[in-house]
Amino acid sequence: SGHVGISLVILFLMLKYSRKLFWISLVPVL
């Protein structure tokens, strides 16, 4: 699943570079 793979990669990058973006995107990605 590219949807799952890409979304998790970007979510991890958000966690590393922008905690605000990470928390905004966490629930939508789940």
PDB file of all heavy atoms in Angstrom:
ATOM      1  N   SER A   1       0.829  -1.197   0.000  1.00  0.00           N
ATOM      2  CA  SER A   1       0.000   0.000   0.000  1.00  0.00           C
ATOM      3  C   SER A   1       0.870   1.255   0.000  1.00  0.00           C
ATOM      4  O   SER A   1       1.508   1.590   0.997  1.00  0.00           O
ATOM      5  CB  SER A   1      -0.920   0.018   1.230  1.00  0.00           C
ATOM      6  OG  SER A   1      -1.581   1.265   1.319  1.00  0.00           O
ATOM      7  N   GLY A   2       0.882   1.934  -1.149  1.00  0.00           N
ATOM      8  CA  GLY A   2       1.618   3.188  -1.226  1.00  0.00           C
ATOM      9  C   GLY A   2       1.008   4.250  -0.332  1.00  0.00           C
ATOM     10  O   GLY A   2       1.723   5.091   0.223  1.00  0.00           O
ATOM     11  N   HIS A   3      -0.316   4.223  -0.194  1.00  0.00           N
ATOM     12  CA  HIS A   3      -0.983   5.179   0.693  1.00  0.00           C
ATOM     13  C   HIS A   3      -0.443   5.054   2.114  1.00  0.00           C
ATOM     14  O   HIS A   3      -0.147   6.063   2.772  1.00  0.00           O
ATOM     15  CB  HIS A   3      -2.495   4.925   0.703  1.00  0.00           C
ATOM     16  CG  HIS A   3      -3.230   5.619  -0.391  1.00  0.00           C
ATOM     17  ND1 HIS A   3      -3.059   5.311  -1.718  1.00  0.00           N
ATOM     18  CD2 HIS A   3      -4.151   6.634  -0.362  1.00  0.00           C
ATOM     19  CE1 HIS A   3      -3.835   6.087  -2.456  1.00  0.00           C
ATOM     20  NE2 HIS A   3      -4.495   6.906  -1.665  1.00  0.00           N
ATOM     21  N   VAL A   4      -0.314   3.839   2.588  1.00  0.00           N
ATOM     22  CA  VAL A   4       0.186   3.623   3.947  1.00  0.00           C
ATOM     23  C   VAL A   4       1.670   3.964   4.032  1.00  0.00           C
ATOM     24  O   VAL A   4       2.107   4.665   4.947  1.00  0.00           O
ATOM     25  CB  VAL A   4      -0.065   2.169   4.386  1.00  0.00           C
ATOM     26  CG1 VAL A   4       0.612   1.882   5.726  1.00  0.00           C
ATOM     27  CG2 VAL A   4      -1.564   1.890   4.492  1.00  0.00           C
ATOM     28  N   GLY A   5       2.453   3.467   3.072  1.00  0.00           N
ATOM     29  CA  GLY A   5       3.897   3.705   3.111  1.00  0.00           C
ATOM     30  C   GLY A   5       4.256   5.175   3.048  1.00  0.00           C
ATOM     31  O   GLY A   5       5.005   5.678   3.895  1.00  0.00           O
ATOM     32  N   ILE A   6       3.728   5.881   2.060  1.00  0.00           N
ATOM     33  CA  ILE A   6       4.024   7.302   1.903  1.00  0.00           C
ATOM     34  C   ILE A   6       3.550   8.105   3.109  1.00  0.00           C
ATOM     35  O   ILE A   6       4.257   8.981   3.624  1.00  0.00           O
ATOM     36  CB  ILE A   6       3.369   7.853   0.623  1.00  0.00           C
ATOM     37  CG1 ILE A   6       3.972   7.204  -0.621  1.00  0.00           C
ATOM     38  CG2 ILE A   6       3.500   9.370   0.554  1.00  0.00           C
ATOM     39  CD1 ILE A   6       5.409   7.544  -0.873  1.00  0.00           C
ATOM     40  N   SER A   7       2.338   7.813   3.582  1.00  0.00           N
ATOM     41  CA  SER A   7       1.775   8.563   4.715  1.00  0.00           C
ATOM     42  C   SER A   7       2.614   8.388   5.972  1.00  0.00           C
ATOM     43  O   SER A   7       2.858   9.352   6.712  1.00  0.00           O
ATOM     44  CB  SER A   7       0.332   8.119   4.977  1.00  0.00           C
ATOM     45  OG  SER A   7      -0.480   8.364   3.854  1.00  0.00           O
ATOM     46  N   LEU A   8       3.082   7.163   6.227  1.00  0.00           N
ATOM     47  CA  LEU A   8       3.900   6.921   7.414  1.00  0.00           C
ATOM     48  C   LEU A   8       5.274   7.570   7.280  1.00  0.00           C
ATOM     49  O   LEU A   8       5.812   8.086   8.267  1.00  0.00           O
ATOM     50  CB  LEU A   8       4.038   5.415   7.660  1.00  0.00           C
ATOM     51  CG  LEU A   8       2.771   4.708   8.136  1.00  0.00           C
ATOM     52  CD1 LEU A   8       3.024   3.214   8.298  1.00  0.00           C
ATOM     53  CD2 LEU A   8       2.272   5.302   9.461  1.00  0.00           C
ATOM     54  N   VAL A   9       5.841   7.547   6.099  1.00  0.00           N
ATOM     55  CA  VAL A   9       7.124   8.217   5.884  1.00  0.00           C
ATOM     56  C   VAL A   9       6.999   9.708   6.170  1.00  0.00           C
ATOM     57  O   VAL A   9       7.819  10.293   6.885  1.00  0.00           O
ATOM     58  CB  VAL A   9       7.613   7.988   4.431  1.00  0.00           C
ATOM     59  CG1 VAL A   9       8.695   9.004   4.063  1.00  0.00           C
ATOM     60  CG2 VAL A   9       8.167   6.586   4.277  1.00  0.00           C
ATOM     61  N   ILE A  10       5.969  10.326   5.624  1.00  0.00           N
ATOM     62  CA  ILE A  10       5.786  11.769   5.817  1.00  0.00           C
ATOM     63  C   ILE A  10       5.454  12.081   7.269  1.00  0.00           C
ATOM     64  O   ILE A  10       5.933  13.077   7.827  1.00  0.00           O
ATOM     65  CB  ILE A  10       4.688  12.291   4.871  1.00  0.00           C
ATOM     66  CG1 ILE A  10       5.177  12.188   3.425  1.00  0.00           C
ATOM     67  CG2 ILE A  10       4.327  13.744   5.203  1.00  0.00           C
ATOM     68  CD1 ILE A  10       4.153  12.561   2.388  1.00  0.00           C
ATOM     69  N   LEU A  11       4.675  11.219   7.905  1.00  0.00           N
ATOM     70  CA  LEU A  11       4.358  11.428   9.319  1.00  0.00           C
ATOM     71  C   LEU A  11       5.625  11.374  10.167  1.00  0.00           C
ATOM     72  O   LEU A  11       5.813  12.188  11.080  1.00  0.00           O
ATOM     73  CB  LEU A  11       3.353  10.371   9.791  1.00  0.00           C
ATOM     74  CG  LEU A  11       2.692  10.615  11.148  1.00  0.00           C
ATOM     75  CD1 LEU A  11       1.811  11.863  11.101  1.00  0.00           C
ATOM     76  CD2 LEU A  11       1.852   9.403  11.561  1.00  0.00           C
ATOM     77  N   PHE A  12       6.531  10.449   9.861  1.00  0.00           N
ATOM     78  CA  PHE A  12       7.793  10.363  10.597  1.00  0.00           C
ATOM     79  C   PHE A  12       8.638  11.610  10.356  1.00  0.00           C
ATOM     80  O   PHE A  12       9.261  12.142  11.292  1.00  0.00           O
ATOM     81  CB  PHE A  12       8.561   9.113  10.174  1.00  0.00           C
ATOM     82  CG  PHE A  12       9.887   8.979  10.866  1.00  0.00           C
ATOM     83  CD1 PHE A  12       9.976   8.388  12.118  1.00  0.00           C
ATOM     84  CD2 PHE A  12      11.060   9.453  10.273  1.00  0.00           C
ATOM     85  CE1 PHE A  12      11.195   8.284  12.772  1.00  0.00           C
ATOM     86  CE2 PHE A  12      12.276   9.349  10.917  1.00  0.00           C
ATOM     87  CZ  PHE A  12      12.347   8.758  12.164  1.00  0.00           C
ATOM     88  N   LEU A  13       8.691  12.080   9.119  1.00  0.00           N
ATOM     89  CA  LEU A  13       9.459  13.294   8.813  1.00  0.00           C
ATOM     90  C   LEU A  13       8.869  14.501   9.532  1.00  0.00           C
ATOM     91  O   LEU A  13       9.601  15.391   9.985  1.00  0.00           O
ATOM     92  CB  LEU A  13       9.486  13.524   7.304  1.00  0.00           C
ATOM     93  CG  LEU A  13      10.266  12.487   6.485  1.00  0.00           C
ATOM     94  CD1 LEU A  13      10.041  12.690   4.995  1.00  0.00           C
ATOM     95  CD2 LEU A  13      11.754  12.543   6.810  1.00  0.00           C
ATOM     96  N   MET A  14       7.539  14.553   9.634  1.00  0.00           N
ATOM     97  CA  MET A  14       6.895  15.626  10.399  1.00  0.00           C
ATOM     98  C   MET A  14       7.282  15.547  11.871  1.00  0.00           C
ATOM     99  O   MET A  14       7.534  16.568  12.512  1.00  0.00           O
ATOM    100  CB  MET A  14       5.377  15.533  10.255  1.00  0.00           C
ATOM    101  CG  MET A  14       4.848  15.961   8.906  1.00  0.00           C
ATOM    102  SD  MET A  14       3.050  15.727   8.790  1.00  0.00           S
ATOM    103  CE  MET A  14       2.707  16.522   7.224  1.00  0.00           C
ATOM    104  N   LEU A  15       7.321  14.339  12.408  1.00  0.00           N
ATOM    105  CA  LEU A  15       7.718  14.160  13.806  1.00  0.00           C
ATOM    106  C   LEU A  15       9.126  14.700  14.035  1.00  0.00           C
ATOM    107  O   LEU A  15       9.407  15.309  15.073  1.00  0.00           O
ATOM    108  CB  LEU A  15       7.649  12.679  14.171  1.00  0.00           C
ATOM    109  CG  LEU A  15       8.131  12.290  15.573  1.00  0.00           C
ATOM    110  CD1 LEU A  15       7.248  12.925  16.646  1.00  0.00           C
ATOM    111  CD2 LEU A  15       8.163  10.781  15.734  1.00  0.00           C
ATOM    112  N   LYS A  16       9.994  14.508  13.065  1.00  0.00           N
ATOM    113  CA  LYS A  16      11.382  14.932  13.208  1.00  0.00           C
ATOM    114  C   LYS A  16      11.561  16.428  13.011  1.00  0.00           C
ATOM    115  O   LYS A  16      12.364  17.065  13.692  1.00  0.00           O
ATOM    116  CB  LYS A  16      12.257  14.163  12.215  1.00  0.00           C
ATOM    117  CG  LYS A  16      13.737  14.422  12.375  1.00  0.00           C
ATOM    118  CD  LYS A  16      14.553  13.460  11.558  1.00  0.00           C
ATOM    119  CE  LYS A  16      16.037  13.684  11.786  1.00  0.00           C
ATOM    120  NZ  LYS A  16      16.440  13.489  13.189  1.00  0.00           N
ATOM    121  N   TYR A  17      10.798  17.010  12.071  1.00  0.00           N
ATOM    122  CA  TYR A  17      11.058  18.390  11.680  1.00  0.00           C
ATOM    123  C   TYR A  17       9.968  19.386  12.087  1.00  0.00           C
ATOM    124  O   TYR A  17      10.191  20.582  12.034  1.00  0.00           O
ATOM    125  CB  TYR A  17      11.281  18.467  10.173  1.00  0.00           C
ATOM    126  CG  TYR A  17      12.454  17.632   9.716  1.00  0.00           C
ATOM    127  CD1 TYR A  17      12.276  16.588   8.809  1.00  0.00           C
ATOM    128  CD2 TYR A  17      13.730  17.864  10.206  1.00  0.00           C
ATOM    129  CE1 TYR A  17      13.357  15.808   8.394  1.00  0.00           C
ATOM    130  CE2 TYR A  17      14.814  17.091   9.798  1.00  0.00           C
ATOM    131  CZ  TYR A  17      14.617  16.069   8.896  1.00  0.00           C
ATOM    132  OH  TYR A  17      15.684  15.300   8.497  1.00  0.00           O
ATOM    133  N   SER A  18       8.799  18.902  12.465  1.00  0.00           N
ATOM    134  CA  SER A  18       7.729  19.802  12.899  1.00  0.00           C
ATOM    135  C   SER A  18       6.728  19.040  13.761  1.00  0.00           C
ATOM    136  O   SER A  18       5.829  18.377  13.239  1.00  0.00           O
ATOM    137  CB  SER A  18       7.014  20.427  11.693  1.00  0.00           C
ATOM    138  OG  SER A  18       5.874  21.155  12.115  1.00  0.00           O
ATOM    139  N   ARG A  19       6.887  19.135  15.067  1.00  0.00           N
ATOM    140  CA  ARG A  19       5.968  18.437  15.966  1.00  0.00           C
ATOM    141  C   ARG A  19       4.540  18.936  15.790  1.00  0.00           C
ATOM    142  O   ARG A  19       3.580  18.176  15.935  1.00  0.00           O
ATOM    143  CB  ARG A  19       6.413  18.644  17.417  1.00  0.00           C
ATOM    144  CG  ARG A  19       7.713  17.932  17.766  1.00  0.00           C
ATOM    145  CD  ARG A  19       7.561  16.432  17.655  1.00  0.00           C
ATOM    146  NE  ARG A  19       8.789  15.713  17.920  1.00  0.00           N
ATOM    147  CZ  ARG A  19       9.169  15.284  19.106  1.00  0.00           C
ATOM    148  NH1 ARG A  19       8.404  15.520  20.167  1.00  0.00           N
ATOM    149  NH2 ARG A  19      10.302  14.627  19.254  1.00  0.00           N
ATOM    150  N   LYS A  20       4.395  20.218  15.476  1.00  0.00           N
ATOM    151  CA  LYS A  20       3.052  20.772  15.285  1.00  0.00           C
ATOM    152  C   LYS A  20       2.351  20.093  14.109  1.00  0.00           C
ATOM    153  O   LYS A  20       1.188  19.676  14.218  1.00  0.00           O
ATOM    154  CB  LYS A  20       3.142  22.281  15.047  1.00  0.00           C
ATOM    155  CG  LYS A  20       1.781  22.963  14.899  1.00  0.00           C
ATOM    156  CD  LYS A  20       1.940  24.461  14.706  1.00  0.00           C
ATOM    157  CE  LYS A  20       0.578  25.135  14.557  1.00  0.00           C
ATOM    158  NZ  LYS A  20       0.719  26.610  14.355  1.00  0.00           N
ATOM    159  N   LEU A  21       3.047  19.980  12.976  1.00  0.00           N
ATOM    160  CA  LEU A  21       2.479  19.295  11.815  1.00  0.00           C
ATOM    161  C   LEU A  21       2.192  17.839  12.128  1.00  0.00           C
ATOM    162  O   LEU A  21       1.196  17.274  11.666  1.00  0.00           O
ATOM    163  CB  LEU A  21       3.436  19.384  10.627  1.00  0.00           C
ATOM    164  CG  LEU A  21       3.292  20.557   9.670  1.00  0.00           C
ATOM    165  CD1 LEU A  21       4.263  20.401   8.515  1.00  0.00           C
ATOM    166  CD2 LEU A  21       1.873  20.672   9.154  1.00  0.00           C
ATOM    167  N   PHE A  22       3.070  17.227  12.912  1.00  0.00           N
ATOM    168  CA  PHE A  22       2.886  15.818  13.277  1.00  0.00           C
ATOM    169  C   PHE A  22       1.581  15.613  14.030  1.00  0.00           C
ATOM    170  O   PHE A  22       0.788  14.724  13.691  1.00  0.00           O
ATOM    171  CB  PHE A  22       4.068  15.330  14.121  1.00  0.00           C
ATOM    172  CG  PHE A  22       3.846  13.967  14.737  1.00  0.00           C
ATOM    173  CD1 PHE A  22       4.020  12.824  13.974  1.00  0.00           C
ATOM    174  CD2 PHE A  22       3.452  13.846  16.071  1.00  0.00           C
ATOM    175  CE1 PHE A  22       3.812  11.563  14.537  1.00  0.00           C
ATOM    176  CE2 PHE A  22       3.245  12.599  16.638  1.00  0.00           C
ATOM    177  CZ  PHE A  22       3.430  11.450  15.864  1.00  0.00           C
ATOM    178  N   TRP A  23       1.343  16.426  15.054  1.00  0.00           N
ATOM    179  CA  TRP A  23       0.139  16.250  15.864  1.00  0.00           C
ATOM    180  C   TRP A  23      -1.122  16.609  15.077  1.00  0.00           C
ATOM    181  O   TRP A  23      -2.176  16.010  15.271  1.00  0.00           O
ATOM    182  CB  TRP A  23       0.229  17.088  17.142  1.00  0.00           C
ATOM    183  CG  TRP A  23       1.236  16.542  18.113  1.00  0.00           C
ATOM    184  CD1 TRP A  23       2.394  17.131  18.519  1.00  0.00           C
ATOM    185  CD2 TRP A  23       1.185  15.278  18.779  1.00  0.00           C
ATOM    186  NE1 TRP A  23       3.076  16.322  19.391  1.00  0.00           N
ATOM    187  CE2 TRP A  23       2.349  15.179  19.586  1.00  0.00           C
ATOM    188  CE3 TRP A  23       0.277  14.227  18.784  1.00  0.00           C
ATOM    189  CZ2 TRP A  23       2.611  14.068  20.372  1.00  0.00           C
ATOM    190  CZ3 TRP A  23       0.542  13.106  19.577  1.00  0.00           C
ATOM    191  CH2 TRP A  23       1.693  13.040  20.360  1.00  0.00           C
ATOM    192  N   ILE A  24      -1.005  17.572  14.158  1.00  0.00           N
ATOM    193  CA  ILE A  24      -2.148  17.917  13.308  1.00  0.00           C
ATOM    194  C   ILE A  24      -2.503  16.752  12.379  1.00  0.00           C
ATOM    195  O   ILE A  24      -3.677  16.482  12.119  1.00  0.00           O
ATOM    196  CB  ILE A  24      -1.845  19.182  12.483  1.00  0.00           C
ATOM    197  CG1 ILE A  24      -1.789  20.417  13.395  1.00  0.00           C
ATOM    198  CG2 ILE A  24      -2.878  19.391  11.378  1.00  0.00           C
ATOM    199  CD1 ILE A  24      -1.335  21.683  12.697  1.00  0.00           C
ATOM    200  N   SER A  25      -1.472  16.047  11.895  1.00  0.00           N
ATOM    201  CA  SER A  25      -1.671  15.013  10.876  1.00  0.00           C
ATOM    202  C   SER A  25      -1.859  13.619  11.442  1.00  0.00           C
ATOM    203  O   SER A  25      -2.291  12.715  10.707  1.00  0.00           O
ATOM    204  CB  SER A  25      -0.473  15.003   9.912  1.00  0.00           C
ATOM    205  OG  SER A  25      -0.292  16.263   9.311  1.00  0.00           O
ATOM    206  N   LEU A  26      -1.550  13.412  12.721  1.00  0.00           N
ATOM    207  CA  LEU A  26      -1.545  12.059  13.281  1.00  0.00           C
ATOM    208  C   LEU A  26      -2.894  11.358  13.146  1.00  0.00           C
ATOM    209  O   LEU A  26      -2.981  10.250  12.593  1.00  0.00           O
ATOM    210  CB  LEU A  26      -1.130  12.103  14.758  1.00  0.00           C
ATOM    211  CG  LEU A  26      -1.127  10.754  15.478  1.00  0.00           C
ATOM    212  CD1 LEU A  26      -0.175   9.773  14.800  1.00  0.00           C
ATOM    213  CD2 LEU A  26      -0.755  10.941  16.950  1.00  0.00           C
ATOM    214  N   VAL A  27      -3.955  11.969  13.624  1.00  0.00           N
ATOM    215  CA  VAL A  27      -5.278  11.331  13.580  1.00  0.00           C
ATOM    216  C   VAL A  27      -5.759  11.138  12.143  1.00  0.00           C
ATOM    217  O   VAL A  27      -6.230  10.046  11.784  1.00  0.00           O
ATOM    218  CB  VAL A  27      -6.305  12.128  14.414  1.00  0.00           C
ATOM    219  CG1 VAL A  27      -7.716  11.567  14.215  1.00  0.00           C
ATOM    220  CG2 VAL A  27      -5.933  12.080  15.896  1.00  0.00           C
ATOM    221  N   PRO A  28      -5.645  12.162  11.265  1.00  0.00           N
ATOM    222  CA  PRO A  28      -6.027  11.933   9.865  1.00  0.00           C
ATOM    223  C   PRO A  28      -5.271  10.789   9.206  1.00  0.00           C
ATOM    224  O   PRO A  28      -5.851  10.033   8.419  1.00  0.00           O
ATOM    225  CB  PRO A  28      -5.715  13.269   9.189  1.00  0.00           C
ATOM    226  CG  PRO A  28      -5.850  14.280  10.272  1.00  0.00           C
ATOM    227  CD  PRO A  28      -5.333  13.601  11.503  1.00  0.00           C
ATOM    228  N   VAL A  29      -3.993  10.626   9.527  1.00  0.00           N
ATOM    229  CA  VAL A  29      -3.223   9.525   8.933  1.00  0.00           C
ATOM    230  C   VAL A  29      -3.701   8.178   9.461  1.00  0.00           C
ATOM    231  O   VAL A  29      -3.806   7.203   8.709  1.00  0.00           O
ATOM    232  CB  VAL A  29      -1.713   9.709   9.185  1.00  0.00           C
ATOM    233  CG1 VAL A  29      -0.944   8.433   8.854  1.00  0.00           C
ATOM    234  CG2 VAL A  29      -1.176  10.867   8.354  1.00  0.00           C
ATOM    235  N   LEU A  30      -4.017   8.110  10.750  1.00  0.00           N
ATOM    236  CA  LEU A  30      -4.546   6.867  11.309  1.00  0.00           C
ATOM    237  C   LEU A  30      -5.877   6.509  10.648  1.00  0.00           C
ATOM    238  O   LEU A  30      -6.118   5.338  10.298  1.00  0.00           O
ATOM    239  CB  LEU A  30      -4.723   7.004  12.824  1.00  0.00           C
ATOM    240  CG  LEU A  30      -3.425   7.125  13.639  1.00  0.00           C
ATOM    241  CD1 LEU A  30      -3.743   7.330  15.117  1.00  0.00           C
ATOM    242  CD2 LEU A  30      -2.548   5.892  13.446  1.00  0.00           C
TER     243      LEU A  30
END
